[in-house]
Amino acid sequence: MSREIPWFSITIVILLFCISFVGSYIYQVSPYEFHSDSILLPPSLQHPLGTDRLGRDMLARVMQGGRVSLTIGVGSALIASLVGLAMGAAAGYAKGLWDRSFVIIVDLFLTFPTFFLLLSMVSYMEASSAILIVVIAFTGWMGTARLIRSESYRIASQPYIKVLKIASVPTYRIIFRYFLPLLAPIFYVSFTFGVSGAILAESGLSYLGLGVTPPDMSWGSILSDGKAVMEIAWWVSFFPGLAIFLITFSLVQISDWLQGRRGRKLAEIR
């Protein structure tokens, strides 16, 4: 793993967030407006990313879709990471019955492939951004929880933690003052990786027609719309697909760097 800060990936992430959330204030073209005289136009000065089969501007749609995809990705990853942090820290600290229950719950969730579990849940409800955030978070907290539990075990076995327990220091103070700062690097890594995973999960669902419903749009749904015209209008699928690739690749690079940095710090401590 590289020791250098992945500035390129960080720049790509910042640019995609800015384009998605701020770009519409600069490029004020409606992503919903139909133009019968502008159907499947290739990229040009008037339409930088071309138009789709209904004459809608692709740049405006990619920006709007990015807003939805990134919101779902960040929201679901944040919820999943927080749930994993709470569950894992409690299991590693309390042990006993809570830890055994935790293992049973995690094993039960991991019995089913995550994406198929996600498909089964979404197929029985009308998808929206809020629903997708909750569902993706519900199916994605287990990995974080297992990592947090393992590290919590290591922290709980430290002599100073045992001394604090003997001294009857309140549990909440031990967790917030000693556990959470040491668990923060794992949380950051899991959150960063979780955002990319959530965006891919949402894109997969939208590509299969189970994601956000029209008139809402995401990168995945825009990519799905371009399937029918891929041979004659490559730009309809290419640009949302490129955005998905860039954000996931960049977030994975950042996550790898954070994980490498955490590993070096642990090596120095030991």
Foldseek 3Di string as FASTA:
>chain_A
DDQDQPPVLVVLQVVLVCCQPPVCVVVVFDQPDFDPVQALAPADPVQNLGAHRRNGRLSNQASLQSNLLLLLLLLLLVLLLVVLLVLQLCCQQVPDPSVVVLVVVLVVLVVDDLLVQLVVVLVVDQADSVVLSVSLSVSQNSVNNVVLNVVSNVQCPDPVNVVCVVVVPDPVCCCVPPVCVLCVLSSVLSSLLSSLVSSVSQLVCLLVVSHHDPPRHHLSVQLNSCPVVCVPRVSSNPVSVVSSVSNNVSSNVNSVNSVVVSVVVVVVVD
